[in-house]
Protein backbone atom coordinates (compact mmCIF):
# COMPACT_ATOMS: atom_id res chain seq x y z
CA MET A 1 -21.29 11.56 -10.13
CA LYS A 2 -21.53 14.37 -7.55
CA LEU A 3 -22.72 13.97 -4.06
CA THR A 4 -25.38 16.21 -2.63
CA LYS A 5 -25.78 17.79 0.59
CA GLU A 6 -28.81 15.57 1.27
CA GLU A 7 -26.59 12.50 0.62
CA VAL A 8 -23.84 13.62 2.89
CA ASN A 9 -26.43 14.29 5.61
CA LYS A 10 -27.88 10.78 5.11
CA VAL A 11 -24.39 9.18 5.50
CA ALA A 12 -23.74 11.36 8.55
CA HIS A 13 -27.06 10.15 9.96
CA LEU A 14 -26.12 6.54 9.36
CA ALA A 15 -22.74 7.22 11.02
CA ARG A 16 -24.56 8.83 13.99
CA LEU A 17 -22.87 12.28 13.34
CA GLU A 18 -24.42 15.56 13.64
CA LEU A 19 -23.05 18.07 11.17
CA SER A 20 -23.59 21.73 11.16
CA GLU A 21 -24.54 23.38 7.88
CA GLU A 22 -20.98 24.53 7.46
CA GLU A 23 -19.52 21.04 8.06
CA THR A 24 -22.02 19.54 5.58
CA GLU A 25 -20.89 22.06 2.92
CA ARG A 26 -17.23 21.32 3.66
CA MET A 27 -17.82 17.42 3.85
CA THR A 28 -19.87 17.60 0.48
CA GLY A 29 -16.80 19.38 -1.17
CA ASP A 30 -14.21 17.02 0.43
CA MET A 31 -16.07 13.76 -0.60
CA ASN A 32 -16.74 15.06 -4.07
CA ASN A 33 -12.98 15.79 -4.39
CA ILE A 34 -12.19 12.24 -3.26
CA LEU A 35 -14.67 10.72 -5.73
CA ASP A 36 -13.10 12.90 -8.53
CA TYR A 37 -9.60 11.62 -7.62
CA ILE A 38 -10.96 7.98 -7.57
CA ASN A 39 -12.58 8.54 -11.01
CA LYS A 40 -9.20 10.01 -12.35
CA LEU A 41 -7.37 6.85 -11.18
CA SER A 42 -9.93 4.73 -13.06
CA GLU A 43 -8.59 6.22 -16.38
CA LEU A 44 -5.19 4.72 -15.83
CA ASN A 45 -4.19 1.81 -18.18
CA THR A 46 -3.33 -1.07 -15.70
CA ASP A 47 -3.52 -3.90 -18.31
CA ASN A 48 0.12 -4.87 -17.82
CA VAL A 49 0.17 -4.19 -14.11
CA GLU A 50 0.33 -7.28 -11.81
CA PRO A 51 -2.18 -7.21 -8.91
CA THR A 52 -0.62 -6.81 -5.65
CA CYS A 53 -1.95 -6.47 -2.12
CA HIS A 54 1.38 -5.04 -0.64
CA ALA A 55 3.67 -2.43 -2.02
CA VAL A 56 6.71 -4.58 -1.15
CA PRO A 57 7.15 -8.32 -1.04
CA VAL A 58 5.89 -9.94 2.40
CA THR A 59 7.17 -13.30 3.42
CA ASN A 60 5.85 -15.15 6.51
CA VAL A 61 8.33 -17.02 8.47
CA PHE A 62 6.85 -20.28 9.64
CA ARG A 63 8.22 -22.86 11.95
CA GLU A 64 7.29 -26.49 11.80
CA ASP A 65 4.49 -27.24 14.09
CA VAL A 66 5.99 -29.89 16.35
CA GLN A 67 4.44 -31.17 19.46
CA ARG A 68 6.76 -30.85 22.58
CA ASN A 69 6.24 -32.07 26.00
CA ASP A 70 8.10 -29.48 28.04
CA PHE A 71 6.15 -29.96 31.27
CA THR A 72 4.48 -32.71 32.99
CA ILE A 73 0.85 -32.17 34.20
CA GLU A 74 2.05 -31.97 37.56
CA GLU A 75 4.67 -29.27 36.74
CA ALA A 76 2.20 -27.36 34.79
CA LEU A 77 -0.37 -27.48 37.62
CA ALA A 78 2.14 -26.96 40.39
CA ASN A 79 1.48 -23.19 41.01
CA ALA A 80 -2.18 -23.24 40.11
CA PRO A 81 -4.46 -21.93 42.81
CA SER A 82 -6.88 -24.81 42.17
CA SER A 83 -6.78 -27.92 39.87
CA GLU A 84 -8.98 -30.83 39.31
CA GLU A 85 -8.52 -34.13 37.44
CA GLY A 86 -5.33 -32.86 35.69
CA SER A 87 -6.91 -29.45 34.62
CA PHE A 88 -6.85 -25.91 35.86
CA LYS A 89 -9.96 -25.24 37.91
CA VAL A 90 -11.34 -21.68 37.46
CA PRO A 91 -14.46 -20.01 38.78
CA LYS A 92 -17.60 -20.26 36.74
CA VAL A 93 -18.22 -17.10 34.98
CA ILE A 94 -21.47 -17.83 33.02
CA GLU A 95 -24.69 -18.61 34.97
């Protein structure tokens, strides 16, 4: 499948790009080269290749989610400019 200049211009329009005639020619060639490369990759036999989402193994380090009471409410609100009923009081931002 080869892209035409009209298809490249349509994609450029959707992306809100203005391409000159020279840029359209160059982008048509570049995009066709990319599609050719993708088609070439589809020829590879990947039957015995395990699917991966990362090139190297990735492991998350999780800590146990434990509730801690480091501060009392009074200590947490001590430096607050304004508080009310044990909560931070902030200016209204939505009318």
